[in-house]
Amino acid sequence: MKRALFENWALFLGMLMLMVANGLLVTLLTIRGNDLGFSEFTISLMQACYPLGALLGTIIAPLWVEKVGHIRVFSALASMVSVSAIVHLLTSDPISWSLMRFFAGFCFPGLYVVTESWLNAKSENRIRAQVLSIYFIIQLAGPALGTAMVGLPDPSGSLLFGIVSILISMAIVPLLLSNNKAPEYSAPERMSVGKLYKVSPMAVTGIVLMSAGVSAWFIALPLYGLQNGFSDARASGALVIAMIAAAVVQYPLGWISDNTDRRYVVIALGGISAIAALWMVVDTSPSHIVFGFAIIAASTLPVYSILAAHANDQLSAGQIVPASGTMVFLLQLGQVFGMLLGPNATQMADGRGLQIMIAVIGVGVALIAIARRVSTEAPEDTGEVQPTGVLGMAQPGMLQAEAMAAEETET
């Protein structure tokens, strides 16, 4: 394990800086957009450009890695993301900001493809899960730290955007200076959504619905806090607490889903998120916003990994990698709808629209899981669920899928 850490330190350090930068930028844009007078609809359109770009990036980036290699693609994409952060600073109109969000959304999947395929190729089967856990800790801790930085004093209004650009640019340096050679890489074939639906209807529909719900509250929470009298620091702090709550429950929920029918866990989490959201419909006091959204985060963010594991339980080793790519695509598709609806929902139903939306999604996901539990039995062989990345900042699945495929093949 020590050897693996030594060999991959450059990649871990680079990814940490990228995740801190992305967490800072995504929250900063919502808050600064509100300060510039952007409407909720404009903010939602701008933020929705990220997953739109990612839909394209998840298809093209793996082909680039296969063609020119990990390090070149990582360096090129990180440089382009750094440029997009500076453009946000130099402009103040929603069109240019939206274009840069699309640009960043296109670039970041490539960075994740490089990181995940590199770690998978460089890790032995006996320590792959441990290496993977470090990667996902970075995926959660980095954005939380970046979001917390929104509260730093910034009298000129340019410091935080500058920090984003610096972090992204610096993320390239460890990888370029490392003497470890990049592994070979072949872009995986893709599995169609229709074919995956035949394997696991719950995974396909649940991923789209729940990723929409997660992206909705993730983007809208700072805006919702500002509308309820929060300062910038307190609004971003509410999001940090929500992300920490989700991180704390990731492993326990994964363990529970490994030891029971995963659909029971999905039903419970969907119900808890709906109950928490409905409670916030009734109790709209600002003092309960942080606590309520922490519960919502803890009951919605882990659902993707459980749904992905449920789908993988029913796939052969050769199907796991292409199915993972399809699930990432579905994740991005759901995020588009969530980012469009979330900020706009904060003004609906007398300021309770966001909570109602989350409640409806939670109930919907739970009902889908109940229907599948009634109609089918659980797969006999269950895979090992792994934590996933934070919405809009990490692309889950490829590494865990390739790891599982490699282990099953060698066995």
Protein backbone atom coordinates (compact mmCIF):
# COMPACT_ATOMS: atom_id res chain seq x y z
CA MET A 1 0.00 0.00 0.00
CA LYS A 2 2.86 2.37 0.81
CA ARG A 3 4.34 1.65 -2.60
CA ALA A 4 1.02 2.43 -4.27
CA LEU A 5 0.78 5.73 -2.42
CA PHE A 6 4.35 6.61 -3.41
CA GLU A 7 3.75 5.74 -7.06
CA ASN A 8 0.47 7.68 -7.28
CA TRP A 9 1.22 10.70 -5.07
CA ALA A 10 1.40 13.04 -8.05
CA LEU A 11 -2.00 11.97 -9.32
CA PHE A 12 -3.59 12.20 -5.87
CA LEU A 13 -2.15 15.66 -5.25
CA GLY A 14 -3.17 16.91 -8.67
CA MET A 15 -6.69 15.58 -8.29
CA LEU A 16 -7.01 17.13 -4.83
CA MET A 17 -6.19 20.57 -6.21
CA LEU A 18 -8.63 20.05 -9.09
CA MET A 19 -11.45 19.04 -6.76
CA VAL A 20 -10.85 21.98 -4.41
CA ALA A 21 -10.89 24.32 -7.40
CA ASN A 22 -14.07 22.83 -8.85
CA GLY A 23 -15.87 22.90 -5.51
CA LEU A 24 -14.93 26.55 -5.06
CA LEU A 25 -15.92 27.52 -8.60
CA VAL A 26 -19.33 25.84 -8.77
CA THR A 27 -20.48 27.50 -5.53
CA LEU A 28 -18.80 30.81 -6.29
CA LEU A 29 -20.63 31.13 -9.61
CA THR A 30 -24.05 30.72 -8.00
CA ILE A 31 -23.32 33.29 -5.31
CA ARG A 32 -21.57 35.80 -7.59
CA GLY A 33 -24.26 35.34 -10.23
CA ASN A 34 -26.85 36.28 -7.63
CA ASP A 35 -24.78 39.34 -6.63
CA LEU A 36 -24.58 40.41 -10.30
CA GLY A 37 -28.35 40.30 -10.57
CA PHE A 38 -28.70 37.05 -12.53
CA SER A 39 -32.19 35.62 -12.17
CA GLU A 40 -32.74 32.12 -10.78
CA PHE A 41 -33.58 30.98 -14.31
CA THR A 42 -30.33 32.43 -15.68
CA ILE A 43 -28.27 30.79 -12.94
CA SER A 44 -29.95 27.46 -13.60
CA LEU A 45 -29.22 27.68 -17.33
CA MET A 46 -25.62 28.61 -16.67
CA GLN A 47 -25.01 25.75 -14.25
CA ALA A 48 -26.84 23.26 -16.49
CA CYS A 49 -24.24 23.91 -19.18
CA TYR A 50 -21.72 21.92 -17.10
CA PRO A 51 -23.42 18.52 -17.42
CA LEU A 52 -24.30 19.33 -21.03
CA GLY A 53 -20.60 19.72 -21.72
CA ALA A 54 -19.87 16.58 -19.72
CA LEU A 55 -22.25 14.55 -21.89
CA LEU A 56 -19.94 15.33 -24.80
CA GLY A 57 -16.76 15.04 -22.75
CA THR A 58 -17.55 11.53 -21.50
CA ILE A 59 -17.63 10.36 -25.13
CA ILE A 60 -14.65 12.24 -26.58
CA ALA A 61 -12.16 12.36 -23.70
CA PRO A 62 -11.51 8.58 -23.55
CA LEU A 63 -10.73 8.61 -27.28
CA TRP A 64 -8.19 11.41 -26.75
CA VAL A 65 -6.52 9.50 -23.93
CA GLU A 66 -6.24 6.45 -26.15
CA LYS A 67 -4.77 8.55 -28.97
CA VAL A 68 -2.20 10.82 -27.26
CA GLY A 69 -1.82 9.44 -23.74
CA HIS A 70 -2.74 10.28 -20.15
CA ILE A 71 -0.29 13.05 -19.34
CA ARG A 72 -0.85 15.10 -22.49
CA VAL A 73 -4.63 14.95 -22.17
CA PHE A 74 -4.51 15.74 -18.45
CA SER A 75 -2.26 18.75 -19.02
CA ALA A 76 -4.24 20.08 -21.97
CA LEU A 77 -7.62 19.76 -20.29
CA ALA A 78 -6.42 21.26 -17.00
CA SER A 79 -4.98 24.23 -18.90
CA MET A 80 -8.29 24.79 -20.68
CA VAL A 81 -10.25 24.63 -17.43
CA SER A 82 -7.87 27.19 -15.92
CA VAL A 83 -8.62 29.50 -18.85
CA SER A 84 -12.36 29.11 -18.30
CA ALA A 85 -11.99 30.18 -14.66
CA ILE A 86 -10.18 33.37 -15.69
CA VAL A 87 -12.86 34.19 -18.28
CA HIS A 88 -15.43 34.19 -15.48
CA LEU A 89 -13.33 36.87 -13.82
CA LEU A 90 -12.92 38.98 -16.94
CA THR A 91 -16.61 38.95 -17.90
CA SER A 92 -19.90 39.45 -16.09
CA ASP A 93 -22.53 38.39 -18.60
CA PRO A 94 -24.49 35.11 -18.42
CA ILE A 95 -23.68 34.07 -22.00
CA SER A 96 -19.91 33.94 -21.54
CA TRP A 97 -20.30 32.35 -18.11
CA SER A 98 -22.57 29.68 -19.60
CA LEU A 99 -20.11 28.96 -22.38
CA MET A 100 -17.31 28.56 -19.85
CA ARG A 101 -19.43 26.18 -17.76
CA PHE A 102 -20.01 24.08 -20.87
CA PHE A 103 -16.27 24.23 -21.57
CA ALA A 104 -15.39 23.13 -18.03
CA GLY A 105 -18.00 20.39 -18.17
CA PHE A 106 -16.41 19.07 -21.34
CA CYS A 107 -12.90 19.10 -19.84
CA PHE A 108 -13.40 17.64 -16.37
CA PRO A 109 -14.59 14.16 -17.46
CA GLY A 110 -11.32 13.76 -19.32
CA LEU A 111 -9.42 14.55 -16.15
CA TYR A 112 -11.38 11.89 -14.29
CA VAL A 113 -10.87 9.35 -17.08
CA VAL A 114 -7.12 9.93 -16.88
CA THR A 115 -7.06 9.63 -13.09
CA GLU A 116 -9.28 6.59 -12.77
CA SER A 117 -7.77 4.57 -15.61
CA TRP A 118 -4.26 5.41 -14.35
CA LEU A 119 -5.04 4.27 -10.79
CA ASN A 120 -6.74 1.12 -12.00
CA ALA A 121 -3.81 0.14 -14.22
CA LYS A 122 -1.19 0.94 -11.58
CA SER A 123 -2.92 -0.82 -8.65
CA GLU A 124 -2.70 -4.51 -7.81
CA ASN A 125 -5.97 -6.33 -7.15
CA ARG A 126 -5.14 -6.94 -3.49
CA ILE A 127 -4.89 -3.20 -2.73
CA ARG A 128 -7.15 -1.74 -5.43
CA ALA A 129 -10.04 -1.10 -3.02
CA GLN A 130 -7.72 0.76 -0.63
CA VAL A 131 -6.33 2.92 -3.41
CA LEU A 132 -9.88 3.52 -4.60
CA SER A 133 -10.99 4.63 -1.14
CA ILE A 134 -8.25 7.29 -1.06
CA TYR A 135 -9.39 8.56 -4.45
CA PHE A 136 -12.99 8.91 -3.31
CA ILE A 137 -11.99 10.59 -0.05
CA ILE A 138 -10.31 13.20 -2.25
CA GLN A 139 -13.47 13.38 -4.39
CA LEU A 140 -15.49 14.34 -1.30
CA ALA A 141 -13.00 16.29 0.79
CA GLY A 142 -11.74 18.45 -2.08
CA PRO A 143 -15.10 19.97 -3.07
CA ALA A 144 -16.05 20.47 0.58
CA LEU A 145 -12.85 22.42 1.20
CA GLY A 146 -13.35 24.42 -1.98
CA THR A 147 -16.92 25.29 -1.06
CA ALA A 148 -15.80 26.43 2.39
CA MET A 149 -13.32 28.83 0.75
CA VAL A 150 -16.21 30.86 -0.70
CA GLY A 151 -16.42 32.57 2.69
CA LEU A 152 -12.85 33.93 2.49
CA PRO A 153 -12.57 37.74 2.40
CA ASP A 154 -12.38 38.96 -1.21
CA PRO A 155 -12.57 42.77 -1.29
CA SER A 156 -11.58 43.02 -4.96
CA GLY A 157 -13.93 40.27 -6.09
CA SER A 158 -11.12 38.63 -8.06
CA LEU A 159 -9.18 36.72 -5.41
CA LEU A 160 -11.32 33.59 -5.38
CA PHE A 161 -11.45 33.27 -9.16
CA GLY A 162 -7.68 33.69 -9.16
CA ILE A 163 -7.32 30.92 -6.58
CA VAL A 164 -9.40 28.61 -8.79
CA SER A 165 -7.15 29.24 -11.77
CA ILE A 166 -3.97 28.83 -9.72
CA LEU A 167 -5.10 25.53 -8.22
CA ILE A 168 -6.03 24.10 -11.61
CA SER A 169 -2.76 25.22 -13.16
CA MET A 170 -0.75 23.82 -10.25
CA ALA A 171 -2.54 20.47 -10.53
CA ILE A 172 -0.57 19.76 -13.69
CA VAL A 173 2.84 20.23 -12.07
CA PRO A 174 3.08 17.08 -9.89
CA LEU A 175 2.10 14.84 -12.80
CA LEU A 176 4.60 16.46 -15.18
CA LEU A 177 7.44 16.19 -12.66
CA SER A 178 6.68 12.62 -11.64
CA ASN A 179 8.96 9.98 -13.17
CA ASN A 180 6.23 7.30 -13.26
CA LYS A 181 5.24 6.19 -16.74
CA ALA A 182 1.61 6.40 -17.80
CA PRO A 183 -0.19 3.07 -18.31
CA GLU A 184 -1.66 1.79 -21.54
CA TYR A 185 -5.30 2.68 -22.10
CA SER A 186 -8.07 1.50 -24.42
CA ALA A 187 -11.38 3.34 -24.57
CA PRO A 188 -14.15 0.93 -23.46
CA GLU A 189 -17.08 0.09 -25.67
CA ARG A 190 -20.41 1.57 -24.63
CA MET A 191 -23.62 -0.19 -23.66
CA SER A 192 -26.86 1.36 -24.88
CA VAL A 193 -29.33 2.79 -22.40
CA GLY A 194 -32.00 0.43 -23.72
CA LYS A 195 -29.84 -2.63 -23.10
CA LEU A 196 -28.95 -1.47 -19.59
CA TYR A 197 -32.64 -0.80 -18.91
CA LYS A 198 -33.43 -4.44 -19.72
CA VAL A 199 -30.82 -5.48 -17.17
CA SER A 200 -31.86 -3.03 -14.42
CA PRO A 201 -34.81 -0.68 -14.96
CA MET A 202 -34.38 0.59 -11.40
CA ALA A 203 -30.78 1.66 -12.02
CA VAL A 204 -31.59 3.54 -15.23
CA THR A 205 -34.64 5.41 -13.95
CA GLY A 206 -33.31 5.84 -10.43
CA ILE A 207 -29.99 7.32 -11.54
CA VAL A 208 -31.68 9.92 -13.75
CA LEU A 209 -34.21 10.91 -11.07
CA MET A 210 -31.87 10.98 -8.10
CA SER A 211 -29.05 12.76 -9.93
CA ALA A 212 -31.60 15.42 -10.88
CA GLY A 213 -32.55 15.78 -7.23
CA VAL A 214 -28.97 15.92 -6.00
CA SER A 215 -27.88 18.48 -8.57
CA ALA A 216 -30.98 20.56 -7.78
CA TRP A 217 -30.21 20.97 -4.09
CA PHE A 218 -26.44 21.16 -4.65
CA ILE A 219 -26.76 24.17 -6.96
CA ALA A 220 -29.76 25.76 -5.27
CA LEU A 221 -28.77 25.42 -1.61
CA PRO A 222 -26.43 28.46 -1.51
CA LEU A 223 -29.05 30.50 -3.39
CA TYR A 224 -31.79 29.30 -1.07
CA GLY A 225 -29.68 30.27 1.93
CA LEU A 226 -29.05 33.76 0.53
CA GLN A 227 -32.78 34.23 -0.01
CA ASN A 228 -33.32 33.36 3.65
CA GLY A 229 -30.87 35.95 4.97
CA PHE A 230 -27.65 33.92 5.03
CA SER A 231 -24.30 35.59 4.42
CA ASP A 232 -22.10 34.24 1.63
CA ALA A 233 -20.00 32.37 4.20
CA ARG A 234 -23.02 30.85 5.93
CA ALA A 235 -24.65 29.87 2.63
CA SER A 236 -21.53 28.06 1.44
CA GLY A 237 -21.08 26.60 4.93
CA ALA A 238 -24.51 24.99 4.71
CA LEU A 239 -23.39 23.21 1.55
CA VAL A 240 -20.15 22.10 3.18
CA ILE A 241 -22.05 20.56 6.11
CA ALA A 242 -24.40 18.79 3.71
CA MET A 243 -21.46 17.28 1.81
CA ILE A 244 -19.76 16.17 5.04
CA ALA A 245 -22.99 14.49 6.17
CA ALA A 246 -23.13 12.60 2.87
CA ALA A 247 -19.49 11.56 3.20
CA VAL A 248 -19.99 10.23 6.74
CA VAL A 249 -22.79 7.84 5.73
CA GLN A 250 -21.21 6.59 2.47
CA TYR A 251 -19.36 3.60 3.90
CA PRO A 252 -22.03 2.45 6.44
CA LEU A 253 -24.71 2.53 3.75
CA GLY A 254 -22.43 0.65 1.37
CA TRP A 255 -21.85 -2.01 4.03
CA ILE A 256 -25.59 -2.33 4.69
CA SER A 257 -26.38 -2.66 0.99
CA ASP A 258 -23.71 -5.38 0.67
CA ASN A 259 -25.44 -7.39 3.38
CA THR A 260 -29.07 -7.08 2.33
CA ASP A 261 -31.21 -6.52 -0.74
CA ARG A 262 -29.95 -3.20 -2.10
CA ARG A 263 -33.47 -2.23 -3.04
CA TYR A 264 -34.44 -2.02 0.64
CA VAL A 265 -31.68 0.56 1.13
CA VAL A 266 -32.88 2.56 -1.89
CA ILE A 267 -36.46 2.47 -0.57
CA ALA A 268 -35.32 3.68 2.86
CA LEU A 269 -33.14 6.48 1.48
CA GLY A 270 -35.85 7.67 -0.90
CA GLY A 271 -38.34 7.74 1.96
CA ILE A 272 -35.98 9.57 4.32
CA SER A 273 -35.20 12.25 1.74
CA ALA A 274 -38.92 12.74 1.07
CA ILE A 275 -39.74 13.00 4.78
CA ALA A 276 -36.91 15.47 5.39
CA ALA A 277 -37.98 17.60 2.43
CA LEU A 278 -41.64 17.59 3.50
CA TRP A 279 -40.59 18.58 7.02
CA MET A 280 -38.79 21.56 5.52
CA VAL A 281 -41.94 22.47 3.60
CA VAL A 282 -43.74 22.86 6.92
CA ASP A 283 -40.84 24.27 8.92
CA THR A 284 -39.15 27.01 6.86
CA SER A 285 -37.19 28.62 9.69
CA PRO A 286 -33.63 29.55 8.65
CA SER A 287 -32.19 27.83 11.71
CA HIS A 288 -33.32 24.45 10.39
CA ILE A 289 -32.10 24.86 6.80
CA VAL A 290 -28.62 23.51 7.52
CA PHE A 291 -29.88 20.49 9.46
CA GLY A 292 -32.61 19.67 6.97
CA PHE A 293 -30.36 19.77 3.93
CA ALA A 294 -27.73 17.70 5.75
CA ILE A 295 -30.33 14.93 6.08
CA ILE A 296 -31.33 15.34 2.44
CA ALA A 297 -27.70 15.13 1.34
CA ALA A 298 -27.02 12.04 3.44
CA SER A 299 -30.06 10.28 1.97
CA THR A 300 -29.61 11.25 -1.70
CA LEU A 301 -25.89 11.39 -2.57
CA PRO A 302 -25.16 7.71 -1.72
CA VAL A 303 -28.04 6.41 -3.86
CA TYR A 304 -26.05 6.44 -7.12
CA SER A 305 -23.40 4.04 -5.84
CA ILE A 306 -26.06 1.64 -4.55
CA LEU A 307 -27.99 1.73 -7.83
CA ALA A 308 -24.76 1.19 -9.78
CA ALA A 309 -23.85 -1.75 -7.55
CA HIS A 310 -27.33 -3.24 -8.04
CA ALA A 311 -26.87 -3.04 -11.82
CA ASN A 312 -23.36 -4.51 -11.62
CA ASP A 313 -24.72 -7.43 -9.60
CA GLN A 314 -26.55 -8.57 -12.72
CA LEU A 315 -23.79 -8.02 -15.29
CA SER A 316 -21.04 -10.27 -16.55
CA ALA A 317 -17.43 -9.16 -16.12
CA GLY A 318 -17.21 -8.05 -19.74
CA GLN A 319 -20.34 -5.90 -19.44
CA ILE A 320 -19.34 -3.96 -16.35
CA VAL A 321 -17.03 -1.40 -17.96
CA PRO A 322 -19.36 -0.37 -20.84
CA ALA A 323 -22.34 -0.31 -18.46
CA SER A 324 -20.38 2.02 -16.18
CA GLY A 325 -19.96 4.48 -19.05
CA THR A 326 -23.70 4.40 -19.70
CA MET A 327 -24.48 5.06 -16.05
CA VAL A 328 -22.14 8.06 -16.07
CA PHE A 329 -24.02 9.32 -19.13
CA LEU A 330 -27.34 8.91 -17.28
CA LEU A 331 -25.87 10.72 -14.28
CA GLN A 332 -24.98 13.72 -16.43
CA LEU A 333 -28.40 13.65 -18.11
CA GLY A 334 -30.15 13.82 -14.75
CA GLN A 335 -27.88 16.65 -13.65
CA VAL A 336 -28.95 18.75 -16.63
CA PHE A 337 -32.59 18.63 -15.51
CA GLY A 338 -31.71 19.15 -11.85
CA MET A 339 -29.57 22.20 -12.50
CA LEU A 340 -32.29 23.68 -14.70
CA LEU A 341 -35.03 23.09 -12.14
CA GLY A 342 -33.26 23.58 -8.78
CA PRO A 343 -32.57 27.35 -8.70
CA ASN A 344 -35.95 28.12 -10.29
CA ALA A 345 -37.76 25.95 -7.76
CA THR A 346 -36.56 28.10 -4.85
CA GLN A 347 -39.06 30.78 -5.86
CA MET A 348 -42.02 28.45 -6.42
CA ALA A 349 -44.76 27.49 -3.95
CA ASP A 350 -44.02 30.42 -1.67
CA GLY A 351 -40.33 29.53 -1.46
CA ARG A 352 -40.97 25.82 -0.85
CA GLY A 353 -40.63 24.58 -4.41
CA LEU A 354 -37.16 23.07 -3.97
CA GLN A 355 -38.26 20.99 -1.00
CA ILE A 356 -41.38 19.79 -2.84
CA MET A 357 -39.26 18.80 -5.85
CA ILE A 358 -36.89 16.78 -3.66
CA ALA A 359 -39.82 15.10 -1.90
CA VAL A 360 -41.43 14.09 -5.20
CA ILE A 361 -38.15 12.63 -6.47
CA GLY A 362 -37.56 10.74 -3.21
CA VAL A 363 -41.03 9.22 -3.33
CA GLY A 364 -40.59 8.37 -7.02
CA VAL A 365 -37.30 6.55 -6.49
CA ALA A 366 -38.70 4.66 -3.50
CA LEU A 367 -41.78 3.56 -5.47
CA ILE A 368 -39.61 2.33 -8.35
CA ALA A 369 -37.53 0.26 -5.92
CA ILE A 370 -40.69 -1.13 -4.29
CA ALA A 371 -42.09 -2.12 -7.68
CA ARG A 372 -38.88 -3.91 -8.63
CA ARG A 373 -38.70 -5.66 -5.25
CA VAL A 374 -42.25 -6.95 -5.65
CA SER A 375 -41.71 -8.16 -9.22
CA THR A 376 -38.20 -9.66 -9.04
CA GLU A 377 -35.86 -11.35 -6.60
CA ALA A 378 -32.48 -9.92 -5.66
CA PRO A 379 -29.44 -11.16 -7.63
CA GLU A 380 -27.68 -14.05 -5.90
CA ASP A 381 -24.21 -12.54 -6.26
CA THR A 382 -23.78 -9.02 -4.98
CA GLY A 383 -20.82 -6.82 -5.82
CA GLU A 384 -19.00 -4.52 -3.46
CA VAL A 385 -20.47 -1.03 -3.49
CA GLN A 386 -18.02 1.87 -3.58
CA PRO A 387 -18.53 5.52 -2.65
CA THR A 388 -18.97 7.91 -5.60
CA GLY A 389 -17.90 11.43 -6.37
CA VAL A 390 -19.72 14.71 -5.67
CA LEU A 391 -22.19 15.91 -8.17
CA GLY A 392 -20.90 18.01 -10.97
CA MET A 393 -17.32 17.41 -9.80
CA ALA A 394 -16.64 13.74 -10.14
CA GLN A 395 -17.44 11.04 -12.57
CA PRO A 396 -18.12 7.78 -10.69
CA GLY A 397 -18.02 4.21 -11.82
CA MET A 398 -15.20 3.65 -14.32
CA LEU A 399 -12.53 2.80 -11.79
CA GLN A 400 -14.68 0.53 -9.65
CA ALA A 401 -16.07 -1.17 -12.76
CA GLU A 402 -12.66 -1.86 -14.24
CA ALA A 403 -11.41 -3.06 -10.86
CA MET A 404 -14.29 -5.49 -10.51
CA ALA A 405 -13.88 -6.69 -14.07
CA ALA A 406 -10.17 -7.30 -13.59
CA GLU A 407 -10.71 -9.19 -10.35
CA GLU A 408 -13.41 -11.41 -11.82
CA THR A 409 -11.34 -12.10 -14.93
CA GLU A 410 -8.28 -13.11 -12.95
CA THR A 411 -10.40 -15.27 -10.63
